[in-house]
Amino acid sequence: MLDFSNASFSPETIDVMKAALETAVASLPAPVGSAHVQAIAESILRTAKDGERDPMVLQRMALMELQISTRCDAGPRT
């Protein structure tokens, strides 16, 4: 996991991040692996650390990053 030890969030922001995480994970087809949950959580933390507070934006960014990373990990199709 990335280092977020210096990050500080208000209780309201934590609630927003939690809602974004739960909604993003719930939108994935089952079963959802822990690596996907971790990737989504890291994206939400990183985006919130940059100042974003809209839960829909946090969710959307995390899912887009997950989709991009999954495609990159799959490599080129032959």
Protein backbone atom coordinates (compact mmCIF):
# COMPACT_ATOMS: atom_id res chain seq x y z
CA MET A 1 0.00 0.00 0.00
CA LEU A 2 1.13 3.50 -0.71
CA ASP A 3 2.31 5.67 2.17
CA PHE A 4 -0.50 7.89 3.41
CA SER A 5 0.95 8.33 6.90
CA ASN A 6 1.08 12.13 6.53
CA ALA A 7 -2.48 12.42 5.24
CA SER A 8 -5.06 13.95 7.54
CA PHE A 9 -8.80 13.94 6.91
CA SER A 10 -11.76 15.38 8.78
CA PRO A 11 -14.47 13.00 10.01
CA GLU A 12 -16.76 14.33 7.27
CA THR A 13 -14.18 13.55 4.59
CA ILE A 14 -13.68 10.06 5.99
CA ASP A 15 -17.43 9.51 5.73
CA VAL A 16 -17.35 10.66 2.10
CA MET A 17 -14.39 8.38 1.31
CA LYS A 18 -16.10 5.43 3.01
CA ALA A 19 -19.27 5.97 0.99
CA ALA A 20 -17.25 6.20 -2.23
CA LEU A 21 -15.38 2.99 -1.40
CA GLU A 22 -18.53 1.06 -0.52
CA THR A 23 -20.35 2.21 -3.66
CA ALA A 24 -17.38 1.50 -5.91
CA VAL A 25 -16.86 -2.00 -4.52
CA ALA A 26 -20.60 -2.75 -4.69
CA SER A 27 -20.61 -1.83 -8.38
CA LEU A 28 -18.05 -4.54 -9.23
CA PRO A 29 -19.11 -8.04 -10.22
CA ALA A 30 -18.66 -10.68 -7.51
CA PRO A 31 -16.33 -11.97 -6.33
CA VAL A 32 -14.32 -8.82 -5.63
CA GLY A 33 -10.69 -9.56 -4.83
CA SER A 34 -8.77 -7.82 -2.07
CA ALA A 35 -6.34 -6.38 -4.64
CA HIS A 36 -9.22 -4.55 -6.32
CA VAL A 37 -10.48 -3.21 -2.99
CA GLN A 38 -6.97 -2.02 -2.12
CA ALA A 39 -6.54 -0.33 -5.51
CA ILE A 40 -9.87 1.46 -5.12
CA ALA A 41 -9.03 2.54 -1.56
CA GLU A 42 -5.62 3.88 -2.60
CA SER A 43 -7.17 5.83 -5.46
CA ILE A 44 -9.80 7.34 -3.18
CA LEU A 45 -7.17 8.29 -0.59
CA ARG A 46 -4.92 9.83 -3.23
CA THR A 47 -7.76 11.78 -4.85
CA ALA A 48 -9.12 12.99 -1.51
CA LYS A 49 -5.62 14.01 -0.44
CA ASP A 50 -5.56 16.21 -3.55
CA GLY A 51 -8.70 17.96 -2.29
CA GLU A 52 -11.62 16.17 -3.96
CA ARG A 53 -14.66 15.78 -1.67
CA ASP A 54 -17.45 14.68 -4.04
CA PRO A 55 -18.13 10.98 -3.36
CA MET A 56 -19.27 10.39 -6.94
CA VAL A 57 -16.04 11.84 -8.31
CA LEU A 58 -13.97 9.79 -5.86
CA GLN A 59 -15.84 6.64 -6.91
CA ARG A 60 -15.60 7.40 -10.63
CA MET A 61 -11.86 8.13 -10.47
CA ALA A 62 -11.19 4.94 -8.52
CA LEU A 63 -13.17 2.78 -10.95
CA MET A 64 -11.51 4.40 -13.98
CA GLU A 65 -8.06 3.83 -12.49
CA LEU A 66 -8.98 0.23 -11.71
CA GLN A 67 -10.20 -0.31 -15.26
CA ILE A 68 -7.02 1.19 -16.72
CA SER A 69 -4.73 -0.81 -14.43
CA THR A 70 -6.63 -4.04 -15.13
CA ARG A 71 -6.28 -3.51 -18.87
CA CYS A 72 -2.58 -2.70 -18.53
CA ASP A 73 -1.99 -5.79 -16.38
CA ALA A 74 -3.68 -7.99 -18.97
CA GLY A 75 -1.11 -6.97 -21.55
CA PRO A 76 -1.59 -6.87 -25.30
CA ARG A 77 -3.94 -9.35 -26.87
CA THR A 78 -2.59 -11.58 -29.57
